């Protein structure tokens, strides 16, 4: 069921809408889209930049097979306490750096870090030292997004204008199996994240009618057969144990993609360790993120200085939305996760790596809204891989074995920053080893890109 509402009477106010769609878990339908907690600003409002994103409301998604808004919360959002971690800050370039490798010498992002709705592109690129800060803006590269809605390019333009990012790449909508017109906000979030962080990259939105197994698989296959995209994003998923054939099929497709240098990336989920049913308190993980040939991207809360220097990396809490993670009951422990401290050896562990979960500013429906979830962290990692591909002048392809090899050799000394506190229900952050909340941590962008 789809519903629409006239929100004009709420102009100038804050309205919270809750996404993070869950269905009945039946086979053949991927019932979650990992984006949550929306507040809409009036189109005419002027955002006030802030250094730290606004704390997110606490929310537990309600099962339903079709995306729809739920009632406005009756209480105020519950802020996440900010601990005092001591991660190693990532240097922030203060001038146009000398480009490395095959970079085109693009200027680093230097727009506002955030606005009143949440973090903007520069607020990710600076704290996590993205390759774009060193001249790699994704030129000559193409990212694919599989989702159930074409993108509204005028919204992308409005976002980039506010973020003070100049886009030179192209955006193309490609309908698969007739295409779709489903989740505006999700598509806007995915495209704005990638175009904001990698403004020279081309983006193809493979949109489908609904998130059914067959439609998703058809879109994946088309992305590979078209031979243009080197990275494919999936900001959706469902409980792996409810549809094991889907996990098998998508993993096979991703393996075929890896053979030609295509990286498959997916959100790990927004309901912590309970991706198989929060209301029933069922411990479980999400697919396709749990496929061995996919990189599973979790989410973190983070803070930074007014100059964009990273100051803390934490996770959510058991009582609120948090990074999806845990251990598979379907997929065995991959060889590249073997021997990593913190691994649960009974199956494939999720996530692999993490990026921001905190509120992100998205321009959708004619106004900026505040969103959060691994629907942000997944396309953020796609942008990172796109820039890495440009740096090396080659497709990175299947990155998981290399990520874990680097982590085994250096831990949190060189390439990754740990999550210092927080949990996702059954699991907690650990600043000295892998954990089922944030994986091997967040990337120290430029160092990691050079090592991949």
Foldseek 3Di string as FASTA:
>chain_A
DEDDDDCVVQEQHWFWWFAQFAAPLAAFAFTGFWKTIKTFHHLPDDWDFDQFWDFGAFDDDDYHRATDTDDTDPDDGDGFDDDFDFWDKFDFDPWQAAAFALAPSAAAQDFGQATNQGGAQLLFCGRLVFSSNHRQLLAPAEEEEEEAAAADVVQLVVRCVNSVHDAQAEEEEAEDPRGDHGDHQLNLLLVNLQCRNRRNYYYYYHHYHHRTLVRRLRSLVCVVVVPGHQEYEESTWAFCVNYVVSLVSVLVSLVVSLVVQHAYEYEFGWQAQPRHDVVVPHGTTTPPQQRLSHQYEWAWRWGADSVSITRATAWAAQRGTTTYWDFHPNAADDPLCPPFPADDRRGHIDHAAYGHFGWDWGRGPSGTMTMGGSSNTGSNVVSSQSSLCSNNVHRPRRCRSVSSVVCVVQQSNFWFAFHDFHHSNPWITDRGGATGRGGSHHTSRPRVSVSD
